[in-house]
Amino acid sequence: MKKVIVIALFILGIFNAPVFGMSQEIILSELYSIVPLDDAKDEGGCVRPNPTRFHASIDGNHLSVGADTGAPAYVEVINQETGEVVVEEEFLNETEATITQAGSYVVQIYSANTVVTGEFEVE
């Protein structure tokens, strides 16, 4: 019985994370790269990129984005319903933005010859 209660509380915590002020990680996937993140070979002296160097999270309507590439980066956030670009910004390492309108969004991060993308919701 204790296991069922612990599992129920764990699941409840996952669904209530945004309510308690915890940010939710946005799952990013590679859209384009000259050196793919999953390339197991070391071709031409290139170092295999670290797939965790890009990250994004949403906390309510507060978006945090990072690109630990050592190069300039650019972030673009697009409202999926209207197609409107609501955030366009160049940055180094990390940046933050506030999304003012509720809806479904796509985030795209460009840096070091790589583009990653992810989807998120603002309530």
Protein backbone atom coordinates (compact mmCIF):
# COMPACT_ATOMS: atom_id res chain seq x y z
CA MET A 1 0.00 0.00 0.00
CA LYS A 2 2.89 2.35 0.77
CA LYS A 3 4.29 1.86 -2.74
CA VAL A 4 0.97 2.87 -4.31
CA ILE A 5 0.85 6.03 -2.20
CA VAL A 6 4.45 6.93 -3.07
CA ILE A 7 3.82 6.39 -6.79
CA ALA A 8 0.60 8.44 -6.64
CA LEU A 9 2.40 11.32 -4.90
CA PHE A 10 5.22 11.15 -7.45
CA ILE A 11 2.77 11.36 -10.38
CA LEU A 12 0.87 14.17 -8.67
CA GLY A 13 4.16 16.04 -8.24
CA ILE A 14 4.99 15.71 -11.93
CA PHE A 15 1.66 17.20 -12.99
CA ASN A 16 1.82 19.98 -10.41
CA ALA A 17 5.45 20.98 -11.06
CA PRO A 18 4.50 24.17 -12.96
CA VAL A 19 2.14 25.16 -10.14
CA PHE A 20 4.93 24.94 -7.58
CA GLY A 21 7.26 27.16 -9.63
CA MET A 22 9.43 24.41 -11.05
CA SER A 23 10.60 24.87 -14.61
CA GLN A 24 9.88 22.18 -17.19
CA GLU A 25 12.66 21.13 -19.54
CA ILE A 26 11.79 21.52 -23.23
CA ILE A 27 12.81 18.45 -25.21
CA LEU A 28 15.08 19.60 -28.02
CA SER A 29 15.85 17.63 -31.15
CA GLU A 30 18.43 18.26 -33.81
CA LEU A 31 16.98 19.89 -36.91
CA TYR A 32 20.24 20.44 -38.80
CA SER A 33 23.95 20.02 -38.14
CA ILE A 34 27.11 19.84 -40.19
CA VAL A 35 28.46 17.38 -37.60
CA PRO A 36 25.43 15.38 -36.35
CA LEU A 37 25.06 15.00 -32.60
CA ASP A 38 24.75 11.22 -32.98
CA ASP A 39 27.73 10.79 -35.33
CA ALA A 40 29.90 8.12 -33.70
CA LYS A 41 32.86 8.78 -35.98
CA ASP A 42 35.59 11.36 -35.54
CA GLU A 43 35.90 12.59 -39.10
CA GLY A 44 38.54 15.06 -40.18
CA GLY A 45 39.75 15.82 -36.67
CA CYS A 46 36.34 17.18 -35.62
CA VAL A 47 35.35 16.59 -32.02
CA ARG A 48 31.95 14.98 -31.64
CA PRO A 49 29.50 17.60 -30.33
CA ASN A 50 28.02 17.18 -26.89
CA PRO A 51 24.22 16.76 -27.27
CA THR A 52 23.58 18.41 -23.90
CA ARG A 53 25.17 21.71 -24.89
CA PHE A 54 21.74 23.06 -25.93
CA HIS A 55 18.98 23.41 -23.35
CA ALA A 56 15.67 25.20 -22.87
CA SER A 57 13.08 25.29 -20.11
CA ILE A 58 9.78 27.03 -19.42
CA ASP A 59 8.52 28.19 -16.02
CA GLY A 60 5.01 29.56 -16.47
CA ASN A 61 5.63 32.15 -19.19
CA HIS A 62 9.36 32.58 -18.47
CA LEU A 63 11.60 30.91 -21.08
CA SER A 64 15.28 30.11 -20.42
CA VAL A 65 17.53 29.08 -23.31
CA GLY A 66 21.18 28.07 -23.42
CA ALA A 67 23.79 27.10 -25.99
CA ASP A 68 27.10 26.10 -24.44
CA THR A 69 28.92 26.11 -27.77
CA GLY A 70 31.48 28.87 -27.21
CA ALA A 71 30.00 30.61 -30.26
CA PRO A 72 27.31 33.25 -30.73
CA ALA A 73 23.80 31.83 -30.72
CA TYR A 74 20.39 32.94 -31.95
CA VAL A 75 16.98 31.95 -30.56
CA GLU A 76 13.64 32.25 -32.29
CA VAL A 77 10.24 31.48 -30.71
CA ILE A 78 7.25 31.06 -33.03
CA ASN A 79 3.57 30.92 -32.07
CA GLN A 80 2.29 27.72 -33.75
CA GLU A 81 -1.27 29.02 -34.15
CA THR A 82 -0.50 32.41 -35.73
CA GLY A 83 3.00 31.86 -37.16
CA GLU A 84 4.11 35.06 -35.41
CA VAL A 85 7.72 35.26 -34.25
CA VAL A 86 7.47 36.41 -30.62
CA VAL A 87 11.17 36.21 -29.67
CA GLU A 88 14.22 36.90 -31.85
CA GLU A 89 17.49 37.34 -30.02
CA GLU A 90 21.23 36.82 -30.34
CA PHE A 91 23.06 35.72 -27.22
CA LEU A 92 26.18 34.10 -25.77
CA ASN A 93 25.76 31.07 -23.49
CA GLU A 94 22.28 31.81 -22.01
CA THR A 95 19.31 34.13 -22.35
CA GLU A 96 15.82 34.54 -20.95
CA ALA A 97 12.55 35.80 -22.40
CA THR A 98 8.97 36.29 -21.28
CA ILE A 99 6.15 34.97 -23.47
CA THR A 100 3.16 37.27 -22.95
CA GLN A 101 0.41 35.27 -24.63
CA ALA A 102 -0.86 31.76 -23.85
CA GLY A 103 -0.54 29.18 -26.63
CA SER A 104 1.62 26.57 -28.34
CA TYR A 105 5.12 27.58 -29.35
CA VAL A 106 8.21 26.29 -31.15
CA VAL A 107 11.69 27.29 -30.01
CA GLN A 108 14.65 27.08 -32.41
CA ILE A 109 18.23 27.59 -31.30
CA TYR A 110 20.97 28.22 -33.87
CA SER A 111 24.67 28.00 -32.96
CA ALA A 112 27.93 26.42 -34.14
CA ASN A 113 26.50 25.11 -37.42
CA THR A 114 23.68 23.35 -35.55
CA VAL A 115 19.95 24.01 -35.21
CA VAL A 116 17.84 22.39 -32.49
CA THR A 117 14.10 22.74 -32.02
CA GLY A 118 11.46 21.96 -29.42
CA GLU A 119 7.79 22.58 -28.66
CA PHE A 120 6.22 23.94 -25.49
CA GLU A 121 2.99 25.38 -24.10
CA VAL A 122 2.34 28.62 -22.21
CA GLU A 123 -0.85 28.64 -20.16
